[in-house]
Amino acid sequence: MIPSDYTFTYQDFSCEVALLEGAEMTEFEENSDYTLCYVRKEKLFMARFYARNREHKAEKIADYVSVSPSYGYLSAKIKTVETANYTNEGVLEKEYQQGGGLVSGFLDERVFTSKEMVSAAVNFVMDIVGDSGYYYNISLVKATDFVEHNGE
């Protein structure tokens, strides 16, 4: 299990990052003569960028709370492939390949003010989850309105 608390720093900005690890999905395939098999795995991660001093503590929750939003979320899907090949002598040889990753998400454009800062956030997440090859598409969002429910 990956530890969940990190600090992202870019130039004079820093914030906390909570990393959540999802379940691993596995797909198994054998060829027709049963001498080669592939195990494909996908692992999902979610990184939430936020300010710890703006977080709400459970003991402070009352009938009405004005909730401060986080700075955004990045989602990473990492692919790996394990190939098992039986030799003529009946020995099982395994080869493990890191297969790359996809990152998507939404970041607050008031906080993530440049493409370089967004790239730094993506690299920060990918360094934690340990993948070297990836593609990403991150949306910068600007709040224009909000919806609230105050319990009434």
C-alpha atoms as a PDB file:
ATOM      1  CA  MET A   1       0.000   0.000   0.000  1.00  0.00           C
ATOM      2  CA  ILE A   2       1.309   3.431  -0.907  1.00  0.00           C
ATOM      3  CA  PRO A   3       1.408   5.994   1.917  1.00  0.00           C
ATOM      4  CA  SER A   4      -1.301   8.573   1.392  1.00  0.00           C
ATOM      5  CA  ASP A   5       0.160  11.908   2.540  1.00  0.00           C
ATOM      6  CA  TYR A   6       2.564  13.867   0.342  1.00  0.00           C
ATOM      7  CA  THR A   7       3.497  17.510  -0.235  1.00  0.00           C
ATOM      8  CA  PHE A   8       3.598  18.922  -3.765  1.00  0.00           C
ATOM      9  CA  THR A   9       5.907  21.912  -4.213  1.00  0.00           C
ATOM     10  CA  TYR A  10       6.316  24.086  -7.294  1.00  0.00           C
ATOM     11  CA  GLN A  11       8.381  27.268  -7.024  1.00  0.00           C
ATOM     12  CA  ASP A  12       6.823  29.215  -4.091  1.00  0.00           C
ATOM     13  CA  PHE A  13       3.596  27.141  -3.947  1.00  0.00           C
ATOM     14  CA  SER A  14       3.028  23.992  -1.944  1.00  0.00           C
ATOM     15  CA  CYS A  15       0.010  21.922  -0.973  1.00  0.00           C
ATOM     16  CA  GLU A  16      -0.826  18.517   0.421  1.00  0.00           C
ATOM     17  CA  VAL A  17      -1.647  15.568  -1.813  1.00  0.00           C
ATOM     18  CA  ALA A  18      -3.769  12.636  -0.675  1.00  0.00           C
ATOM     19  CA  LEU A  19      -3.107   9.592  -2.843  1.00  0.00           C
ATOM     20  CA  LEU A  20      -5.764   6.880  -2.913  1.00  0.00           C
ATOM     21  CA  GLU A  21      -4.973   3.485  -4.408  1.00  0.00           C
ATOM     22  CA  GLY A  22      -7.743   1.573  -6.168  1.00  0.00           C
ATOM     23  CA  ALA A  23      -8.258  -2.112  -6.769  1.00  0.00           C
ATOM     24  CA  GLU A  24      -6.177  -3.918  -9.361  1.00  0.00           C
ATOM     25  CA  MET A  25      -7.996  -5.391 -12.366  1.00  0.00           C
ATOM     26  CA  THR A  26      -6.436  -8.499 -13.940  1.00  0.00           C
ATOM     27  CA  GLU A  27      -6.975 -10.145 -17.332  1.00  0.00           C
ATOM     28  CA  PHE A  28      -5.493 -13.560 -18.151  1.00  0.00           C
ATOM     29  CA  GLU A  29      -4.943 -14.985 -21.662  1.00  0.00           C
ATOM     30  CA  GLU A  30      -3.381 -18.240 -22.928  1.00  0.00           C
ATOM     31  CA  ASN A  31      -2.441 -19.075 -26.502  1.00  0.00           C
ATOM     32  CA  SER A  32      -3.903 -22.097 -28.306  1.00  0.00           C
ATOM     33  CA  ASP A  33      -1.191 -24.616 -27.404  1.00  0.00           C
ATOM     34  CA  TYR A  34      -0.963 -23.438 -23.774  1.00  0.00           C
ATOM     35  CA  THR A  35       2.726 -22.613 -23.877  1.00  0.00           C
ATOM     36  CA  LEU A  36       2.442 -18.857 -23.473  1.00  0.00           C
ATOM     37  CA  CYS A  37       0.208 -16.829 -21.197  1.00  0.00           C
ATOM     38  CA  TYR A  38      -0.256 -13.130 -20.560  1.00  0.00           C
ATOM     39  CA  VAL A  39      -1.423 -11.508 -17.354  1.00  0.00           C
ATOM     40  CA  ARG A  40      -2.474  -7.900 -17.941  1.00  0.00           C
ATOM     41  CA  LYS A  41      -3.050  -5.705 -14.912  1.00  0.00           C
ATOM     42  CA  GLU A  42      -4.448  -2.214 -14.470  1.00  0.00           C
ATOM     43  CA  LYS A  43      -3.966  -0.256 -11.268  1.00  0.00           C
ATOM     44  CA  LEU A  44      -5.903   2.937 -10.521  1.00  0.00           C
ATOM     45  CA  PHE A  45      -4.764   5.882  -8.392  1.00  0.00           C
ATOM     46  CA  MET A  46      -6.466   9.145  -7.421  1.00  0.00           C
ATOM     47  CA  ALA A  47      -4.483  12.166  -6.211  1.00  0.00           C
ATOM     48  CA  ARG A  48      -6.308  15.021  -4.484  1.00  0.00           C
ATOM     49  CA  PHE A  49      -4.456  18.357  -4.214  1.00  0.00           C
ATOM     50  CA  TYR A  50      -5.636  20.395  -1.219  1.00  0.00           C
ATOM     51  CA  ALA A  51      -4.683  22.802   1.579  1.00  0.00           C
ATOM     52  CA  ARG A  52      -4.619  21.070   4.972  1.00  0.00           C
ATOM     53  CA  ASN A  53      -5.387  24.321   6.824  1.00  0.00           C
ATOM     54  CA  ARG A  54      -8.658  24.663   4.829  1.00  0.00           C
ATOM     55  CA  GLU A  55      -9.832  21.110   5.588  1.00  0.00           C
ATOM     56  CA  HIS A  56     -12.827  20.627   7.858  1.00  0.00           C
ATOM     57  CA  LYS A  57     -12.365  18.607  11.013  1.00  0.00           C
ATOM     58  CA  ALA A  58     -15.142  16.208  12.032  1.00  0.00           C
ATOM     59  CA  GLU A  59     -15.670  17.889  15.410  1.00  0.00           C
ATOM     60  CA  LYS A  60     -16.299  21.231  13.652  1.00  0.00           C
ATOM     61  CA  ILE A  61     -19.103  19.961  11.413  1.00  0.00           C
ATOM     62  CA  ALA A  62     -22.394  21.545  12.483  1.00  0.00           C
ATOM     63  CA  ASP A  63     -25.750  22.257  10.868  1.00  0.00           C
ATOM     64  CA  TYR A  64     -24.174  24.557   8.294  1.00  0.00           C
ATOM     65  CA  VAL A  65     -20.622  24.384   7.011  1.00  0.00           C
ATOM     66  CA  SER A  66     -19.140  26.404   4.195  1.00  0.00           C
ATOM     67  CA  VAL A  67     -16.955  23.806   2.479  1.00  0.00           C
ATOM     68  CA  SER A  68     -13.727  24.923   0.820  1.00  0.00           C
ATOM     69  CA  PRO A  69     -13.057  22.939  -2.347  1.00  0.00           C
ATOM     70  CA  SER A  70      -9.745  21.243  -3.055  1.00  0.00           C
ATOM     71  CA  TYR A  71      -7.340  22.413  -5.763  1.00  0.00           C
ATOM     72  CA  GLY A  72      -8.180  19.502  -8.042  1.00  0.00           C
ATOM     73  CA  TYR A  73      -7.823  15.811  -8.764  1.00  0.00           C
ATOM     74  CA  LEU A  74      -5.620  13.684 -10.982  1.00  0.00           C
ATOM     75  CA  SER A  75      -6.495  10.110 -11.864  1.00  0.00           C
ATOM     76  CA  ALA A  76      -3.780   7.665 -13.009  1.00  0.00           C
ATOM     77  CA  LYS A  77      -4.302   4.271 -14.647  1.00  0.00           C
ATOM     78  CA  ILE A  78      -1.136   2.168 -14.816  1.00  0.00           C
ATOM     79  CA  LYS A  79      -0.856  -0.872 -17.102  1.00  0.00           C
ATOM     80  CA  THR A  80       1.541  -3.793 -16.623  1.00  0.00           C
ATOM     81  CA  VAL A  81       1.974  -7.088 -18.504  1.00  0.00           C
ATOM     82  CA  GLU A  82       3.493 -10.317 -17.217  1.00  0.00           C
ATOM     83  CA  THR A  83       4.375 -12.924 -19.852  1.00  0.00           C
ATOM     84  CA  ALA A  84       4.971 -16.552 -18.862  1.00  0.00           C
ATOM     85  CA  ASN A  85       6.588 -18.896 -21.378  1.00  0.00           C
ATOM     86  CA  TYR A  86       7.179 -22.629 -20.880  1.00  0.00           C
ATOM     87  CA  THR A  87      10.513 -23.763 -22.361  1.00  0.00           C
ATOM     88  CA  ASN A  88      11.027 -27.133 -24.097  1.00  0.00           C
ATOM     89  CA  GLU A  89      12.284 -28.448 -20.766  1.00  0.00           C
ATOM     90  CA  GLY A  90       9.021 -27.474 -19.085  1.00  0.00           C
ATOM     91  CA  VAL A  91      10.547 -24.563 -17.147  1.00  0.00           C
ATOM     92  CA  LEU A  92       8.321 -21.541 -16.620  1.00  0.00           C
ATOM     93  CA  GLU A  93      10.096 -18.295 -17.547  1.00  0.00           C
ATOM     94  CA  LYS A  94       8.362 -15.033 -16.599  1.00  0.00           C
ATOM     95  CA  GLU A  95       8.962 -11.575 -17.989  1.00  0.00           C
ATOM     96  CA  TYR A  96       7.448  -8.470 -16.391  1.00  0.00           C
ATOM     97  CA  GLN A  97       6.886  -5.262 -18.371  1.00  0.00           C
ATOM     98  CA  GLN A  98       5.778  -1.881 -17.099  1.00  0.00           C
ATOM     99  CA  GLY A  99       3.303  -0.892 -19.790  1.00  0.00           C
ATOM    100  CA  GLY A 100       2.763   2.827 -19.333  1.00  0.00           C
ATOM    101  CA  GLY A 101       0.007   4.919 -17.889  1.00  0.00           C
ATOM    102  CA  LEU A 102      -2.761   7.410 -18.529  1.00  0.00           C
ATOM    103  CA  VAL A 103      -3.390  10.474 -16.378  1.00  0.00           C
ATOM    104  CA  SER A 104      -6.449  12.707 -16.519  1.00  0.00           C
ATOM    105  CA  GLY A 105      -8.102  15.144 -14.184  1.00  0.00           C
ATOM    106  CA  PHE A 106      -9.231  18.621 -13.259  1.00  0.00           C
ATOM    107  CA  LEU A 107      -7.058  21.302 -11.647  1.00  0.00           C
ATOM    108  CA  ASP A 108      -8.089  24.770 -10.472  1.00  0.00           C
ATOM    109  CA  GLU A 109      -6.612  27.345 -12.862  1.00  0.00           C
ATOM    110  CA  ARG A 110      -6.365  29.917 -10.035  1.00  0.00           C
ATOM    111  CA  VAL A 111      -3.810  27.622  -8.352  1.00  0.00           C
ATOM    112  CA  PHE A 112      -2.208  25.798 -11.295  1.00  0.00           C
ATOM    113  CA  THR A 113      -1.302  28.896 -13.280  1.00  0.00           C
ATOM    114  CA  SER A 114       0.969  27.486 -16.001  1.00  0.00           C
ATOM    115  CA  LYS A 115       1.408  24.426 -18.198  1.00  0.00           C
ATOM    116  CA  GLU A 116       4.752  23.849 -16.496  1.00  0.00           C
ATOM    117  CA  MET A 117       3.059  23.687 -13.100  1.00  0.00           C
ATOM    118  CA  VAL A 118       0.492  21.190 -14.410  1.00  0.00           C
ATOM    119  CA  SER A 119       3.297  19.062 -15.882  1.00  0.00           C
ATOM    120  CA  ALA A 120       5.100  19.214 -12.533  1.00  0.00           C
ATOM    121  CA  ALA A 121       1.930  17.956 -10.774  1.00  0.00           C
ATOM    122  CA  VAL A 122       1.574  15.072 -13.257  1.00  0.00           C
ATOM    123  CA  ASN A 123       5.258  14.159 -12.882  1.00  0.00           C
ATOM    124  CA  PHE A 124       4.885  14.323  -9.096  1.00  0.00           C
ATOM    125  CA  VAL A 125       2.050  11.759  -9.166  1.00  0.00           C
ATOM    126  CA  MET A 126       3.786   9.502 -11.685  1.00  0.00           C
ATOM    127  CA  ASP A 127       7.002   9.536  -9.628  1.00  0.00           C
ATOM    128  CA  ILE A 128       5.030   8.283  -6.622  1.00  0.00           C
ATOM    129  CA  VAL A 129       3.249   5.475  -8.475  1.00  0.00           C
ATOM    130  CA  GLY A 130       6.445   4.489 -10.278  1.00  0.00           C
ATOM    131  CA  ASP A 131       5.721   4.674 -13.989  1.00  0.00           C
ATOM    132  CA  SER A 132       8.046   6.151 -16.579  1.00  0.00           C
ATOM    133  CA  GLY A 133       5.917   6.201 -19.744  1.00  0.00           C
ATOM    134  CA  TYR A 134       2.545   7.923 -19.727  1.00  0.00           C
ATOM    135  CA  TYR A 135       0.128  10.181 -21.547  1.00  0.00           C
ATOM    136  CA  TYR A 136      -1.977  12.881 -19.939  1.00  0.00           C
ATOM    137  CA  ASN A 137      -4.814  15.267 -20.621  1.00  0.00           C
ATOM    138  CA  ILE A 138      -5.591  17.653 -17.761  1.00  0.00           C
ATOM    139  CA  SER A 139      -8.430  20.182 -17.786  1.00  0.00           C
ATOM    140  CA  LEU A 140      -7.894  23.511 -16.077  1.00  0.00           C
ATOM    141  CA  VAL A 141     -11.177  24.581 -14.533  1.00  0.00           C
ATOM    142  CA  LYS A 142     -12.532  27.933 -13.409  1.00  0.00           C
ATOM    143  CA  ALA A 143     -15.392  28.076 -10.910  1.00  0.00           C
ATOM    144  CA  THR A 144     -18.255  30.197 -12.205  1.00  0.00           C
ATOM    145  CA  ASP A 145     -20.889  29.180  -9.667  1.00  0.00           C
ATOM    146  CA  PHE A 146     -21.500  26.609  -6.953  1.00  0.00           C
ATOM    147  CA  VAL A 147     -24.293  24.452  -5.623  1.00  0.00           C
ATOM    148  CA  GLU A 148     -24.802  24.056  -1.900  1.00  0.00           C
ATOM    149  CA  HIS A 149     -26.994  22.141   0.501  1.00  0.00           C
ATOM    150  CA  ASN A 150     -27.146  23.576   4.004  1.00  0.00           C
ATOM    151  CA  GLY A 151     -29.341  20.930   5.634  1.00  0.00           C
ATOM    152  CA  GLU A 152     -32.573  22.902   5.585  1.00  0.00           C
END
